[in-house]
Amino acid sequence: MRKRLLILVIIFTVLQVKAQELNCSITVNADKIPGSNKQIYKTLENSLNEFVNQNRWTSSNYKPEERIDCNFTITILEHTGSDFKGHIQIQSSRPIYNSSYLTPVFNFKDDDFSFQYAEFEPLLFNENTFESNLVSVISFYVYTILGFDADTFSLDGGTPYFTKAQDILVQAQQSGYSGWNQNDGYGTRFTLIDNILSPTYSLFRNALYSYHLKGLDIMSEDKMKAKQKIAESLKGLKSIFDARPNAFLLRVFMDSKANEIVSIFSDGPKFDTSKLKEDLLKISPVNAAKWDKIK
């Protein structure tokens, strides 16, 4: 009986591991908060890591090597009672085919993050209701990460996950917390998911797909062809710029990819980068010093 129970436990554990989609590390930084008692922040950090890594977010089974590497860094700037305020940085990456290289896919900083939390309170996600702003923000970015990752493997493959993120946004809009509504300003969760799902910015998602699957993933086979495909995908972003010079998603892309683009086109084989550098300077002038490094 004991042996049979052990076998069942092992099977359940294996199935649970396969179900997990993310390999996520969440850090709560409260260095800016005075006082020596930091236990609540460590409790929050542990609870968030369990919440994200042990929840099942999709109906798909992921092998351990298929789990998406990501990081959440929550910086607490204000804390009074059960009220917390700060910002959250979200990063995700994916492996490149036939390589040990991990490419950054999503790198986003949300400066408008406030929530209520009592130590040891359970973190529960209910896709049909708003439970708390902490749970909603984290869950929103989980589905956003899943969406970005899926878009790099198939054209518009992330739509089901982005739609889930949008559902969370809609449920949170009456919560009173900032970042969920159209009038909350530029660079918010609303702007991010609204733009991603808008047909107006379909070229952005085309670029995600072609840059990764048709470009980076063939780098080990044919570097010149990979560079050509990556340059073509960046040309698609230039088309977005031509229609909407201040498009928010252009910044989102370059926040993740600027350093990588420089690395790709500064290495062999020789590739004519004159037009590429001209386009990059228009798309992202804030990275002008980086584009100058492309030879």
C-alpha atoms as a PDB file:
ATOM      1  CA  MET A   1       0.000   0.000   0.000  1.00  0.00           C
ATOM      2  CA  ARG A   2       2.796   2.387   0.965  1.00  0.00           C
ATOM      3  CA  LYS A   3       4.662   1.580  -2.272  1.00  0.00           C
ATOM      4  CA  ARG A   4       1.525   2.239  -4.322  1.00  0.00           C
ATOM      5  CA  LEU A   5       1.003   5.569  -2.538  1.00  0.00           C
ATOM      6  CA  LEU A   6       4.603   6.556  -3.263  1.00  0.00           C
ATOM      7  CA  ILE A   7       4.136   5.776  -6.963  1.00  0.00           C
ATOM      8  CA  LEU A   8       0.984   7.918  -7.074  1.00  0.00           C
ATOM      9  CA  VAL A   9       2.792  10.801  -5.398  1.00  0.00           C
ATOM     10  CA  ILE A  10       5.623  10.569  -7.939  1.00  0.00           C
ATOM     11  CA  ILE A  11       3.190  10.483 -10.862  1.00  0.00           C
ATOM     12  CA  PHE A  12       1.273  13.467  -9.502  1.00  0.00           C
ATOM     13  CA  THR A  13       4.517  15.401  -9.009  1.00  0.00           C
ATOM     14  CA  VAL A  14       5.662  14.684 -12.571  1.00  0.00           C
ATOM     15  CA  LEU A  15       2.310  15.772 -13.990  1.00  0.00           C
ATOM     16  CA  GLN A  16       2.386  18.915 -11.891  1.00  0.00           C
ATOM     17  CA  VAL A  17       5.872  19.811 -13.116  1.00  0.00           C
ATOM     18  CA  LYS A  18       4.804  19.245 -16.728  1.00  0.00           C
ATOM     19  CA  ALA A  19       1.827  21.535 -16.209  1.00  0.00           C
ATOM     20  CA  GLN A  20       3.927  24.455 -15.082  1.00  0.00           C
ATOM     21  CA  GLU A  21       4.554  26.976 -17.818  1.00  0.00           C
ATOM     22  CA  LEU A  22       6.976  29.367 -16.140  1.00  0.00           C
ATOM     23  CA  ASN A  23      10.365  29.188 -14.550  1.00  0.00           C
ATOM     24  CA  CYS A  24       9.925  32.475 -12.739  1.00  0.00           C
ATOM     25  CA  SER A  25      12.014  34.260 -10.153  1.00  0.00           C
ATOM     26  CA  ILE A  26      10.255  37.030  -8.215  1.00  0.00           C
ATOM     27  CA  THR A  27      12.196  39.448  -6.032  1.00  0.00           C
ATOM     28  CA  VAL A  28      10.701  41.976  -3.637  1.00  0.00           C
ATOM     29  CA  ASN A  29      13.100  44.857  -2.969  1.00  0.00           C
ATOM     30  CA  ALA A  30      12.249  46.979   0.071  1.00  0.00           C
ATOM     31  CA  ASP A  31      15.645  48.631   0.580  1.00  0.00           C
ATOM     32  CA  LYS A  32      14.074  52.087   0.367  1.00  0.00           C
ATOM     33  CA  ILE A  33      11.728  51.352   3.281  1.00  0.00           C
ATOM     34  CA  PRO A  34      13.235  52.255   6.691  1.00  0.00           C
ATOM     35  CA  GLY A  35      13.189  49.801   9.567  1.00  0.00           C
ATOM     36  CA  SER A  36      14.880  46.533  10.371  1.00  0.00           C
ATOM     37  CA  ASN A  37      11.866  44.209  10.226  1.00  0.00           C
ATOM     38  CA  LYS A  38      11.769  42.998   6.636  1.00  0.00           C
ATOM     39  CA  GLN A  39       9.982  39.712   7.234  1.00  0.00           C
ATOM     40  CA  ILE A  40       6.744  40.729   5.529  1.00  0.00           C
ATOM     41  CA  TYR A  41       8.616  41.421   2.291  1.00  0.00           C
ATOM     42  CA  LYS A  42      10.271  38.005   2.375  1.00  0.00           C
ATOM     43  CA  THR A  43       6.887  36.389   3.066  1.00  0.00           C
ATOM     44  CA  LEU A  44       5.392  38.289   0.137  1.00  0.00           C
ATOM     45  CA  GLU A  45       8.288  37.253  -2.096  1.00  0.00           C
ATOM     46  CA  ASN A  46       7.903  33.576  -1.191  1.00  0.00           C
ATOM     47  CA  SER A  47       4.139  33.687  -1.672  1.00  0.00           C
ATOM     48  CA  LEU A  48       4.463  35.304  -5.101  1.00  0.00           C
ATOM     49  CA  ASN A  49       7.025  32.749  -6.265  1.00  0.00           C
ATOM     50  CA  GLU A  50       4.715  29.929  -5.223  1.00  0.00           C
ATOM     51  CA  PHE A  51       1.701  31.658  -6.778  1.00  0.00           C
ATOM     52  CA  VAL A  52       3.305  32.079 -10.194  1.00  0.00           C
ATOM     53  CA  ASN A  53       5.322  28.876 -10.424  1.00  0.00           C
ATOM     54  CA  GLN A  54       2.806  26.458  -8.937  1.00  0.00           C
ATOM     55  CA  ASN A  55      -0.337  27.708 -10.642  1.00  0.00           C
ATOM     56  CA  ARG A  56      -1.456  26.226 -13.932  1.00  0.00           C
ATOM     57  CA  TRP A  57      -2.016  29.102 -16.343  1.00  0.00           C
ATOM     58  CA  THR A  58      -2.867  27.218 -19.531  1.00  0.00           C
ATOM     59  CA  SER A  59      -4.291  23.888 -20.616  1.00  0.00           C
ATOM     60  CA  SER A  60      -0.991  22.922 -22.253  1.00  0.00           C
ATOM     61  CA  ASN A  61       1.626  20.665 -20.708  1.00  0.00           C
ATOM     62  CA  TYR A  62       5.144  22.065 -20.692  1.00  0.00           C
ATOM     63  CA  LYS A  63       8.218  19.899 -20.321  1.00  0.00           C
ATOM     64  CA  PRO A  64      10.732  21.252 -17.779  1.00  0.00           C
ATOM     65  CA  GLU A  65      13.030  22.451 -20.580  1.00  0.00           C
ATOM     66  CA  GLU A  66      10.111  24.230 -22.262  1.00  0.00           C
ATOM     67  CA  ARG A  67       9.224  26.417 -19.296  1.00  0.00           C
ATOM     68  CA  ILE A  68       9.587  30.136 -19.948  1.00  0.00           C
ATOM     69  CA  ASP A  69      12.374  31.851 -18.049  1.00  0.00           C
ATOM     70  CA  CYS A  70      11.194  35.132 -16.543  1.00  0.00           C
ATOM     71  CA  ASN A  71      11.857  37.565 -13.709  1.00  0.00           C
ATOM     72  CA  PHE A  72       9.680  39.960 -11.763  1.00  0.00           C
ATOM     73  CA  THR A  73      11.370  42.617  -9.634  1.00  0.00           C
ATOM     74  CA  ILE A  74       9.022  44.486  -7.329  1.00  0.00           C
ATOM     75  CA  THR A  75      10.489  47.601  -5.731  1.00  0.00           C
ATOM     76  CA  ILE A  76       8.547  48.905  -2.748  1.00  0.00           C
ATOM     77  CA  LEU A  77       8.765  52.692  -2.400  1.00  0.00           C
ATOM     78  CA  GLU A  78       6.000  53.265   0.169  1.00  0.00           C
ATOM     79  CA  HIS A  79       4.470  51.012   2.806  1.00  0.00           C
ATOM     80  CA  THR A  80       1.855  52.035   5.352  1.00  0.00           C
ATOM     81  CA  GLY A  81      -0.129  49.345   7.139  1.00  0.00           C
ATOM     82  CA  SER A  82      -1.409  46.994   4.456  1.00  0.00           C
ATOM     83  CA  ASP A  83      -0.894  49.520   1.645  1.00  0.00           C
ATOM     84  CA  PHE A  84       2.092  49.157  -0.670  1.00  0.00           C
ATOM     85  CA  LYS A  85       3.242  51.313  -3.554  1.00  0.00           C
ATOM     86  CA  GLY A  86       6.152  50.999  -5.969  1.00  0.00           C
ATOM     87  CA  HIS A  87       7.027  49.675  -9.390  1.00  0.00           C
ATOM     88  CA  ILE A  88       7.498  46.314 -11.059  1.00  0.00           C
ATOM     89  CA  GLN A  89       9.974  45.253 -13.743  1.00  0.00           C
ATOM     90  CA  ILE A  90       9.070  42.230 -15.876  1.00  0.00           C
ATOM     91  CA  GLN A  91      11.532  40.346 -18.061  1.00  0.00           C
ATOM     92  CA  SER A  92      11.232  37.142 -20.059  1.00  0.00           C
ATOM     93  CA  SER A  93      13.442  35.265 -22.484  1.00  0.00           C
ATOM     94  CA  ARG A  94      13.446  32.194 -24.682  1.00  0.00           C
ATOM     95  CA  PRO A  95      16.157  29.883 -26.020  1.00  0.00           C
ATOM     96  CA  ILE A  96      17.334  30.100 -29.609  1.00  0.00           C
ATOM     97  CA  TYR A  97      17.196  26.923 -31.655  1.00  0.00           C
ATOM     98  CA  ASN A  98      20.385  24.840 -31.624  1.00  0.00           C
ATOM     99  CA  SER A  99      22.069  27.301 -29.265  1.00  0.00           C
ATOM    100  CA  SER A 100      22.658  27.943 -25.570  1.00  0.00           C
ATOM    101  CA  TYR A 101      21.742  31.599 -26.080  1.00  0.00           C
ATOM    102  CA  LEU A 102      18.664  33.055 -24.384  1.00  0.00           C
ATOM    103  CA  THR A 103      17.132  35.986 -26.230  1.00  0.00           C
ATOM    104  CA  PRO A 104      15.225  38.675 -24.308  1.00  0.00           C
ATOM    105  CA  VAL A 105      11.605  38.739 -25.449  1.00  0.00           C
ATOM    106  CA  PHE A 106       9.779  41.061 -23.056  1.00  0.00           C
ATOM    107  CA  ASN A 107      11.288  43.768 -20.866  1.00  0.00           C
ATOM    108  CA  PHE A 108       8.789  46.145 -19.314  1.00  0.00           C
ATOM    109  CA  LYS A 109       8.682  48.465 -16.329  1.00  0.00           C
ATOM    110  CA  ASP A 110       5.322  49.304 -14.758  1.00  0.00           C
ATOM    111  CA  ASP A 111       5.721  52.435 -12.643  1.00  0.00           C
ATOM    112  CA  ASP A 112       2.135  52.499 -11.421  1.00  0.00           C
ATOM    113  CA  PHE A 113       1.910  49.541  -9.042  1.00  0.00           C
ATOM    114  CA  SER A 114       0.031  49.744  -5.759  1.00  0.00           C
ATOM    115  CA  PHE A 115      -1.710  47.031  -3.780  1.00  0.00           C
ATOM    116  CA  GLN A 116      -2.919  45.877  -0.386  1.00  0.00           C
ATOM    117  CA  TYR A 117      -1.408  42.853   1.303  1.00  0.00           C
ATOM    118  CA  ALA A 118      -1.552  41.287   4.764  1.00  0.00           C
ATOM    119  CA  GLU A 119       1.224  38.865   5.687  1.00  0.00           C
ATOM    120  CA  PHE A 120       0.358  35.207   4.974  1.00  0.00           C
ATOM    121  CA  GLU A 121      -2.877  36.048   3.149  1.00  0.00           C
ATOM    122  CA  PRO A 122      -3.503  33.521   0.355  1.00  0.00           C
ATOM    123  CA  LEU A 123      -2.998  34.683  -3.218  1.00  0.00           C
ATOM    124  CA  LEU A 124      -5.853  33.312  -5.305  1.00  0.00           C
ATOM    125  CA  PHE A 125      -6.483  33.912  -8.988  1.00  0.00           C
ATOM    126  CA  ASN A 126     -10.071  33.776 -10.183  1.00  0.00           C
ATOM    127  CA  GLU A 127     -10.390  34.453 -13.891  1.00  0.00           C
ATOM    128  CA  ASN A 128     -13.998  35.563 -13.447  1.00  0.00           C
ATOM    129  CA  THR A 129     -13.602  38.141 -10.674  1.00  0.00           C
ATOM    130  CA  PHE A 130     -11.230  40.783  -9.362  1.00  0.00           C
ATOM    131  CA  GLU A 131      -9.651  39.450  -6.141  1.00  0.00           C
ATOM    132  CA  SER A 132      -6.894  41.968  -5.449  1.00  0.00           C
ATOM    133  CA  ASN A 133      -4.689  44.352  -7.388  1.00  0.00           C
ATOM    134  CA  LEU A 134      -1.606  42.362  -6.443  1.00  0.00           C
ATOM    135  CA  VAL A 135      -3.041  39.163  -7.928  1.00  0.00           C
ATOM    136  CA  SER A 136      -4.462  40.954 -10.967  1.00  0.00           C
ATOM    137  CA  VAL A 137      -1.227  42.746 -11.888  1.00  0.00           C
ATOM    138  CA  ILE A 138       0.909  39.618 -11.508  1.00  0.00           C
ATOM    139  CA  SER A 139      -1.595  37.466 -13.412  1.00  0.00           C
ATOM    140  CA  PHE A 140      -1.875  40.104 -16.146  1.00  0.00           C
ATOM    141  CA  TYR A 141       1.869  39.975 -16.725  1.00  0.00           C
ATOM    142  CA  VAL A 142       1.960  36.172 -16.576  1.00  0.00           C
ATOM    143  CA  TYR A 143      -0.444  36.023 -19.507  1.00  0.00           C
ATOM    144  CA  THR A 144       1.426  38.833 -21.269  1.00  0.00           C
ATOM    145  CA  ILE A 145       4.660  36.834 -20.978  1.00  0.00           C
ATOM    146  CA  LEU A 146       2.892  33.736 -22.318  1.00  0.00           C
ATOM    147  CA  GLY A 147       1.538  35.797 -25.205  1.00  0.00           C
ATOM    148  CA  PHE A 148       4.875  37.310 -26.182  1.00  0.00           C
ATOM    149  CA  ASP A 149       6.557  33.915 -26.011  1.00  0.00           C
ATOM    150  CA  ALA A 150       3.900  32.252 -28.174  1.00  0.00           C
ATOM    151  CA  ASP A 151       4.115  35.058 -30.738  1.00  0.00           C
ATOM    152  CA  THR A 152       7.811  34.273 -31.272  1.00  0.00           C
ATOM    153  CA  PHE A 153       6.977  30.700 -32.301  1.00  0.00           C
ATOM    154  CA  SER A 154       3.873  31.178 -34.467  1.00  0.00           C
ATOM    155  CA  LEU A 155       2.267  34.175 -36.130  1.00  0.00           C
ATOM    156  CA  ASP A 156      -0.258  35.674 -33.696  1.00  0.00           C
ATOM    157  CA  GLY A 157       0.136  32.551 -31.544  1.00  0.00           C
ATOM    158  CA  GLY A 158      -0.114  34.624 -28.387  1.00  0.00           C
ATOM    159  CA  THR A 159      -3.660  35.874 -29.024  1.00  0.00           C
ATOM    160  CA  PRO A 160      -5.381  33.520 -26.510  1.00  0.00           C
ATOM    161  CA  TYR A 161      -3.001  34.661 -23.763  1.00  0.00           C
ATOM    162  CA  PHE A 162      -3.197  38.350 -24.620  1.00  0.00           C
ATOM    163  CA  THR A 163      -6.990  37.990 -24.572  1.00  0.00           C
ATOM    164  CA  LYS A 164      -6.747  36.519 -21.055  1.00  0.00           C
ATOM    165  CA  ALA A 165      -4.649  39.514 -20.014  1.00  0.00           C
ATOM    166  CA  GLN A 166      -7.276  41.815 -21.503  1.00  0.00           C
ATOM    167  CA  ASP A 167     -10.003  40.003 -19.539  1.00  0.00           C
ATOM    168  CA  ILE A 168      -8.074  40.641 -16.326  1.00  0.00           C
ATOM    169  CA  LEU A 169      -7.757  44.296 -17.297  1.00  0.00           C
ATOM    170  CA  VAL A 170     -11.498  44.660 -17.907  1.00  0.00           C
ATOM    171  CA  GLN A 171     -12.325  43.109 -14.510  1.00  0.00           C
ATOM    172  CA  ALA A 172      -9.852  45.438 -12.770  1.00  0.00           C
ATOM    173  CA  GLN A 173     -11.094  48.656 -14.365  1.00  0.00           C
ATOM    174  CA  GLN A 174     -13.687  49.289 -11.650  1.00  0.00           C
ATOM    175  CA  SER A 175     -11.238  48.572  -8.814  1.00  0.00           C
ATOM    176  CA  GLY A 176     -10.060  52.148  -8.421  1.00  0.00           C
ATOM    177  CA  TYR A 177      -6.428  51.191  -8.980  1.00  0.00           C
ATOM    178  CA  SER A 178      -4.438  53.067 -11.610  1.00  0.00           C
ATOM    179  CA  GLY A 179      -2.973  51.576 -14.780  1.00  0.00           C
ATOM    180  CA  TRP A 180      -6.051  49.694 -15.963  1.00  0.00           C
ATOM    181  CA  ASN A 181      -7.918  52.489 -17.762  1.00  0.00           C
ATOM    182  CA  GLN A 182      -7.449  54.505 -20.912  1.00  0.00           C
ATOM    183  CA  ASN A 183      -7.216  57.803 -19.065  1.00  0.00           C
ATOM    184  CA  ASP A 184      -4.434  56.599 -16.738  1.00  0.00           C
ATOM    185  CA  GLY A 185      -1.730  57.911 -19.051  1.00  0.00           C
ATOM    186  CA  TYR A 186       0.921  56.662 -21.445  1.00  0.00           C
ATOM    187  CA  GLY A 187       2.805  53.397 -20.956  1.00  0.00           C
ATOM    188  CA  THR A 188       0.203  51.674 -18.798  1.00  0.00           C
ATOM    189  CA  ARG A 189      -1.123  48.127 -18.748  1.00  0.00           C
ATOM    190  CA  PHE A 190      -4.119  49.432 -20.690  1.00  0.00           C
ATOM    191  CA  THR A 191      -1.946  50.879 -23.451  1.00  0.00           C
ATOM    192  CA  LEU A 192       0.179  47.748 -23.641  1.00  0.00           C
ATOM    193  CA  ILE A 193      -2.590  45.201 -24.133  1.00  0.00           C
ATOM    194  CA  ASP A 194      -4.813  47.538 -26.175  1.00  0.00           C
ATOM    195  CA  ASN A 195      -2.011  48.136 -28.674  1.00  0.00           C
ATOM    196  CA  ILE A 196      -0.928  44.495 -28.859  1.00  0.00           C
ATOM    197  CA  LEU A 197      -4.443  43.315 -29.742  1.00  0.00           C
ATOM    198  CA  SER A 198      -5.155  46.188 -32.126  1.00  0.00           C
ATOM    199  CA  PRO A 199      -5.045  45.376 -35.878  1.00  0.00           C
ATOM    200  CA  THR A 200      -3.362  48.757 -36.243  1.00  0.00           C
ATOM    201  CA  TYR A 201      -0.166  47.263 -34.828  1.00  0.00           C
ATOM    202  CA  SER A 202      -0.274  43.862 -36.509  1.00  0.00           C
ATOM    203  CA  LEU A 203       3.179  44.533 -37.962  1.00  0.00           C
ATOM    204  CA  PHE A 204       4.571  44.549 -34.432  1.00  0.00           C
ATOM    205  CA  ARG A 205       3.482  40.971 -33.877  1.00  0.00           C
ATOM    206  CA  ASN A 206       4.646  40.022 -37.360  1.00  0.00           C
ATOM    207  CA  ALA A 207       8.049  41.395 -36.376  1.00  0.00           C
ATOM    208  CA  LEU A 208       8.113  39.340 -33.166  1.00  0.00           C
ATOM    209  CA  TYR A 209       7.489  36.194 -35.167  1.00  0.00           C
ATOM    210  CA  SER A 210       9.866  36.813 -38.078  1.00  0.00           C
ATOM    211  CA  TYR A 211      12.663  38.255 -35.898  1.00  0.00           C
ATOM    212  CA  HIS A 212      12.740  35.143 -33.713  1.00  0.00           C
ATOM    213  CA  LEU A 213      11.563  32.109 -35.664  1.00  0.00           C
ATOM    214  CA  LYS A 214      12.738  33.122 -39.129  1.00  0.00           C
ATOM    215  CA  GLY A 215      15.762  35.082 -37.959  1.00  0.00           C
ATOM    216  CA  LEU A 216      17.423  34.112 -34.693  1.00  0.00           C
ATOM    217  CA  ASP A 217      16.341  30.466 -34.881  1.00  0.00           C
ATOM    218  CA  ILE A 218      18.244  29.906 -38.133  1.00  0.00           C
ATOM    219  CA  MET A 219      21.377  31.763 -37.001  1.00  0.00           C
ATOM    220  CA  SER A 220      23.264  28.515 -36.418  1.00  0.00           C
ATOM    221  CA  GLU A 221      22.485  27.331 -39.965  1.00  0.00           C
ATOM    222  CA  ASP A 222      22.863  30.487 -42.062  1.00  0.00           C
ATOM    223  CA  LYS A 223      23.973  33.715 -40.388  1.00  0.00           C
ATOM    224  CA  MET A 224      23.575  35.845 -43.489  1.00  0.00           C
ATOM    225  CA  LYS A 225      20.022  34.682 -44.133  1.00  0.00           C
ATOM    226  CA  ALA A 226      19.215  35.174 -40.439  1.00  0.00           C
ATOM    227  CA  LYS A 227      20.498  38.748 -40.592  1.00  0.00           C
ATOM    228  CA  GLN A 228      18.418  39.412 -43.688  1.00  0.00           C
ATOM    229  CA  LYS A 229      15.256  38.118 -41.985  1.00  0.00           C
ATOM    230  CA  ILE A 230      15.935  40.143 -38.844  1.00  0.00           C
ATOM    231  CA  ALA A 231      16.542  43.272 -40.932  1.00  0.00           C
ATOM    232  CA  GLU A 232      13.247  42.639 -42.754  1.00  0.00           C
ATOM    233  CA  SER A 233      11.393  42.371 -39.460  1.00  0.00           C
ATOM    234  CA  LEU A 234      12.904  45.667 -38.309  1.00  0.00           C
ATOM    235  CA  LYS A 235      11.786  47.216 -41.594  1.00  0.00           C
ATOM    236  CA  GLY A 236       8.245  46.255 -40.559  1.00  0.00           C
ATOM    237  CA  LEU A 237       8.720  48.277 -37.381  1.00  0.00           C
ATOM    238  CA  LYS A 238       9.843  51.206 -39.531  1.00  0.00           C
ATOM    239  CA  SER A 239       6.466  50.970 -41.300  1.00  0.00           C
ATOM    240  CA  ILE A 240       4.760  51.378 -37.918  1.00  0.00           C
ATOM    241  CA  PHE A 241       6.962  54.411 -37.239  1.00  0.00           C
ATOM    242  CA  ASP A 242       6.058  55.966 -40.586  1.00  0.00           C
ATOM    243  CA  ALA A 243       2.356  55.776 -39.712  1.00  0.00           C
ATOM    244  CA  ARG A 244       2.656  56.450 -35.965  1.00  0.00           C
ATOM    245  CA  PRO A 245       6.050  57.899 -34.970  1.00  0.00           C
ATOM    246  CA  ASN A 246       5.247  57.791 -31.242  1.00  0.00           C
ATOM    247  CA  ALA A 247       3.908  54.229 -31.191  1.00  0.00           C
ATOM    248  CA  PHE A 248       4.319  52.828 -27.687  1.00  0.00           C
ATOM    249  CA  LEU A 249       5.077  49.295 -28.912  1.00  0.00           C
ATOM    250  CA  LEU A 250       8.209  50.499 -30.697  1.00  0.00           C
ATOM    251  CA  ARG A 251       9.626  51.453 -27.318  1.00  0.00           C
ATOM    252  CA  VAL A 252       8.528  48.117 -25.857  1.00  0.00           C
ATOM    253  CA  PHE A 253      10.383  46.266 -28.620  1.00  0.00           C
ATOM    254  CA  MET A 254      13.574  48.302 -28.361  1.00  0.00           C
ATOM    255  CA  ASP A 255      13.672  48.101 -24.559  1.00  0.00           C
ATOM    256  CA  SER A 256      14.072  44.355 -25.046  1.00  0.00           C
ATOM    257  CA  LYS A 257      16.086  44.196 -28.245  1.00  0.00           C
ATOM    258  CA  ALA A 258      18.386  47.220 -28.679  1.00  0.00           C
ATOM    259  CA  ASN A 259      21.532  45.603 -27.248  1.00  0.00           C
ATOM    260  CA  GLU A 260      20.884  42.367 -29.098  1.00  0.00           C
ATOM    261  CA  ILE A 261      20.422  44.143 -32.433  1.00  0.00           C
ATOM    262  CA  VAL A 262      23.778  45.856 -31.998  1.00  0.00           C
ATOM    263  CA  SER A 263      25.427  42.510 -31.226  1.00  0.00           C
ATOM    264  CA  ILE A 264      23.840  40.766 -34.236  1.00  0.00           C
ATOM    265  CA  PHE A 265      24.875  43.364 -36.796  1.00  0.00           C
ATOM    266  CA  SER A 266      28.307  44.049 -35.329  1.00  0.00           C
ATOM    267  CA  ASP A 267      29.376  40.458 -35.906  1.00  0.00           C
ATOM    268  CA  GLY A 268      30.130  38.561 -39.138  1.00  0.00           C
ATOM    269  CA  PRO A 269      29.287  37.851 -41.858  1.00  0.00           C
ATOM    270  CA  LYS A 270      29.522  41.297 -43.445  1.00  0.00           C
ATOM    271  CA  PHE A 271      26.111  42.912 -43.937  1.00  0.00           C
ATOM    272  CA  ASP A 272      25.266  46.318 -45.386  1.00  0.00           C
ATOM    273  CA  THR A 273      23.796  48.112 -42.368  1.00  0.00           C
ATOM    274  CA  SER A 274      23.567  51.669 -43.739  1.00  0.00           C
ATOM    275  CA  LYS A 275      19.794  51.634 -44.346  1.00  0.00           C
ATOM    276  CA  LEU A 276      19.215  49.584 -41.201  1.00  0.00           C
ATOM    277  CA  LYS A 277      21.043  52.116 -39.019  1.00  0.00           C
ATOM    278  CA  GLU A 278      19.097  54.950 -40.643  1.00  0.00           C
ATOM    279  CA  ASP A 279      15.800  53.227 -39.834  1.00  0.00           C
ATOM    280  CA  LEU A 280      16.850  52.320 -36.292  1.00  0.00           C
ATOM    281  CA  LEU A 281      17.814  55.922 -35.575  1.00  0.00           C
ATOM    282  CA  LYS A 282      14.334  57.057 -36.613  1.00  0.00           C
ATOM    283  CA  ILE A 283      12.521  54.295 -34.745  1.00  0.00           C
ATOM    284  CA  SER A 284      14.491  54.712 -31.521  1.00  0.00           C
ATOM    285  CA  PRO A 285      16.598  57.900 -31.348  1.00  0.00           C
ATOM    286  CA  VAL A 286      17.084  57.352 -27.618  1.00  0.00           C
ATOM    287  CA  ASN A 287      19.399  54.462 -28.565  1.00  0.00           C
ATOM    288  CA  ALA A 288      21.470  56.535 -31.013  1.00  0.00           C
ATOM    289  CA  ALA A 289      24.728  55.810 -29.175  1.00  0.00           C
ATOM    290  CA  LYS A 290      24.071  52.079 -29.511  1.00  0.00           C
ATOM    291  CA  TRP A 291      23.258  52.275 -33.216  1.00  0.00           C
ATOM    292  CA  ASP A 292      26.588  54.053 -33.781  1.00  0.00           C
ATOM    293  CA  LYS A 293      28.335  50.870 -32.635  1.00  0.00           C
ATOM    294  CA  ILE A 294      26.910  48.893 -35.552  1.00  0.00           C
ATOM    295  CA  LYS A 295      29.627  48.603 -38.210  1.00  0.00           C
END
